[in-house]
Amino acid sequence: MLLDARTVCSFADYFVICSGETERQLRAIYNEIEHTLKREGVLPHHHEDTINSGWLLLDYRDVIVHIFATPEREYYQLDKLWSKANLVLRIQ
């Protein structure tokens, strides 16, 4: 899910919220985003990559990527928290 958060958030323009079913999927999503953007010269401002937490984060200042395990995504409900942000893209 890609949310345009500019109207509801002062610290980022966009949120990417996605999830994986296994630790291997979470790590693969995280690594692919990081490596692809790094090839383009885009480095994260901050990152949290403790796989055991079930929530990985890549902060590119204007874009923040949240990668969740399914139970953590359901628990934290960022989709609901940022529901006033404009939905740009949803892939299921």
C-alpha atoms as a PDB file:
ATOM      1  CA  MET A   1       0.000   0.000   0.000  1.00  0.00           C
ATOM      2  CA  LEU A   2       1.287   3.462  -0.908  1.00  0.00           C
ATOM      3  CA  LEU A   3      -0.197   6.400   0.994  1.00  0.00           C
ATOM      4  CA  ASP A   4       0.219  10.083   0.196  1.00  0.00           C
ATOM      5  CA  ALA A   5       0.563  11.454   3.727  1.00  0.00           C
ATOM      6  CA  ARG A   6       1.344  15.078   2.884  1.00  0.00           C
ATOM      7  CA  THR A   7      -2.020  16.337   4.134  1.00  0.00           C
ATOM      8  CA  VAL A   8      -1.928  14.441   7.444  1.00  0.00           C
ATOM      9  CA  CYS A   9       1.736  14.187   8.382  1.00  0.00           C
ATOM     10  CA  SER A  10       4.530  16.683   8.933  1.00  0.00           C
ATOM     11  CA  PHE A  11       7.523  14.309   8.915  1.00  0.00           C
ATOM     12  CA  ALA A  12       7.038  12.363   5.666  1.00  0.00           C
ATOM     13  CA  ASP A  13       5.290  12.703   2.333  1.00  0.00           C
ATOM     14  CA  TYR A  14       4.584   9.043   1.636  1.00  0.00           C
ATOM     15  CA  PHE A  15       4.225   5.794   3.536  1.00  0.00           C
ATOM     16  CA  VAL A  16       4.718   2.370   2.020  1.00  0.00           C
ATOM     17  CA  ILE A  17       3.069  -0.311   4.150  1.00  0.00           C
ATOM     18  CA  CYS A  18       3.599  -3.929   3.170  1.00  0.00           C
ATOM     19  CA  SER A  19       3.836  -7.326   4.778  1.00  0.00           C
ATOM     20  CA  GLY A  20       5.320 -10.759   4.407  1.00  0.00           C
ATOM     21  CA  GLU A  21       4.367 -14.152   5.752  1.00  0.00           C
ATOM     22  CA  THR A  22       7.801 -15.388   6.838  1.00  0.00           C
ATOM     23  CA  GLU A  23      11.033 -13.918   8.168  1.00  0.00           C
ATOM     24  CA  ARG A  24      12.656 -14.834   4.863  1.00  0.00           C
ATOM     25  CA  GLN A  25      10.023 -12.836   2.941  1.00  0.00           C
ATOM     26  CA  LEU A  26      10.406  -9.848   5.276  1.00  0.00           C
ATOM     27  CA  ARG A  27      14.174  -9.860   4.825  1.00  0.00           C
ATOM     28  CA  ALA A  28      13.863 -10.253   1.035  1.00  0.00           C
ATOM     29  CA  ILE A  29      11.467  -7.285   0.767  1.00  0.00           C
ATOM     30  CA  TYR A  30      13.721  -5.156   2.980  1.00  0.00           C
ATOM     31  CA  ASN A  31      16.904  -6.087   1.096  1.00  0.00           C
ATOM     32  CA  GLU A  32      15.381  -5.558  -2.355  1.00  0.00           C
ATOM     33  CA  ILE A  33      14.081  -2.081  -1.496  1.00  0.00           C
ATOM     34  CA  GLU A  34      17.378  -1.084   0.103  1.00  0.00           C
ATOM     35  CA  HIS A  35      19.551  -2.475  -2.719  1.00  0.00           C
ATOM     36  CA  THR A  36      17.410  -1.065  -5.530  1.00  0.00           C
ATOM     37  CA  LEU A  37      17.383   2.432  -4.063  1.00  0.00           C
ATOM     38  CA  LYS A  38      21.088   2.254  -3.195  1.00  0.00           C
ATOM     39  CA  ARG A  39      21.867   1.504  -6.869  1.00  0.00           C
ATOM     40  CA  GLU A  40      20.022   4.737  -7.660  1.00  0.00           C
ATOM     41  CA  GLY A  41      22.112   6.616  -5.098  1.00  0.00           C
ATOM     42  CA  VAL A  42      19.299   6.850  -2.541  1.00  0.00           C
ATOM     43  CA  LEU A  43      20.395   5.917   0.964  1.00  0.00           C
ATOM     44  CA  PRO A  44      18.144   5.625   4.014  1.00  0.00           C
ATOM     45  CA  HIS A  45      18.295   8.338   6.633  1.00  0.00           C
ATOM     46  CA  HIS A  46      17.472   5.716   9.279  1.00  0.00           C
ATOM     47  CA  HIS A  47      16.571   2.039   9.347  1.00  0.00           C
ATOM     48  CA  GLU A  48      15.345  -0.538  11.810  1.00  0.00           C
ATOM     49  CA  ASP A  49      16.043  -4.082  10.724  1.00  0.00           C
ATOM     50  CA  THR A  50      15.492  -6.346  13.685  1.00  0.00           C
ATOM     51  CA  ILE A  51      13.711  -9.232  11.997  1.00  0.00           C
ATOM     52  CA  ASN A  52      12.510 -10.663  15.337  1.00  0.00           C
ATOM     53  CA  SER A  53      10.319  -7.614  15.961  1.00  0.00           C
ATOM     54  CA  GLY A  54       8.090  -8.353  12.979  1.00  0.00           C
ATOM     55  CA  TRP A  55       8.365  -4.712  11.859  1.00  0.00           C
ATOM     56  CA  LEU A  56      11.181  -3.486   9.631  1.00  0.00           C
ATOM     57  CA  LEU A  57      11.499   0.172   8.719  1.00  0.00           C
ATOM     58  CA  LEU A  58      13.391   2.140   6.083  1.00  0.00           C
ATOM     59  CA  ASP A  59      13.243   5.904   6.517  1.00  0.00           C
ATOM     60  CA  TYR A  60      14.127   7.863   3.389  1.00  0.00           C
ATOM     61  CA  ARG A  61      12.916  11.146   4.966  1.00  0.00           C
ATOM     62  CA  ASP A  62      10.133  11.877   2.458  1.00  0.00           C
ATOM     63  CA  VAL A  63       9.203   8.211   2.125  1.00  0.00           C
ATOM     64  CA  ILE A  64       8.965   5.795   5.033  1.00  0.00           C
ATOM     65  CA  VAL A  65       8.710   2.087   4.277  1.00  0.00           C
ATOM     66  CA  HIS A  66       7.075  -0.186   6.863  1.00  0.00           C
ATOM     67  CA  ILE A  67       7.488  -3.930   6.337  1.00  0.00           C
ATOM     68  CA  PHE A  68       5.389  -6.028   8.693  1.00  0.00           C
ATOM     69  CA  ALA A  69       4.875  -9.634   9.583  1.00  0.00           C
ATOM     70  CA  THR A  70       1.127 -10.286   9.357  1.00  0.00           C
ATOM     71  CA  PRO A  71       0.438 -10.413  13.137  1.00  0.00           C
ATOM     72  CA  GLU A  72       2.277  -7.132  13.745  1.00  0.00           C
ATOM     73  CA  ARG A  73       0.519  -5.408  10.855  1.00  0.00           C
ATOM     74  CA  GLU A  74      -2.837  -6.438  12.307  1.00  0.00           C
ATOM     75  CA  TYR A  75      -1.776  -5.377  15.813  1.00  0.00           C
ATOM     76  CA  TYR A  76      -0.373  -1.925  14.984  1.00  0.00           C
ATOM     77  CA  GLN A  77      -2.985  -1.130  12.303  1.00  0.00           C
ATOM     78  CA  LEU A  78      -1.012   1.628  10.578  1.00  0.00           C
ATOM     79  CA  ASP A  79      -3.460   1.317   7.689  1.00  0.00           C
ATOM     80  CA  LYS A  80      -6.201   2.477  10.059  1.00  0.00           C
ATOM     81  CA  LEU A  81      -4.036   5.038  11.881  1.00  0.00           C
ATOM     82  CA  TRP A  82      -3.219   6.795   8.601  1.00  0.00           C
ATOM     83  CA  SER A  83      -6.631   6.212   6.989  1.00  0.00           C
ATOM     84  CA  LYS A  84      -7.053   9.941   6.274  1.00  0.00           C
ATOM     85  CA  ALA A  85      -3.996   9.849   4.006  1.00  0.00           C
ATOM     86  CA  ASN A  86      -4.750   9.538   0.312  1.00  0.00           C
ATOM     87  CA  LEU A  87      -4.429   6.015  -1.027  1.00  0.00           C
ATOM     88  CA  VAL A  88      -2.179   6.088  -4.087  1.00  0.00           C
ATOM     89  CA  LEU A  89      -1.783   2.360  -4.734  1.00  0.00           C
ATOM     90  CA  ARG A  90      -2.952  -0.901  -3.193  1.00  0.00           C
ATOM     91  CA  ILE A  91      -1.624  -4.247  -4.354  1.00  0.00           C
ATOM     92  CA  GLN A  92      -2.946  -7.451  -2.851  1.00  0.00           C
END
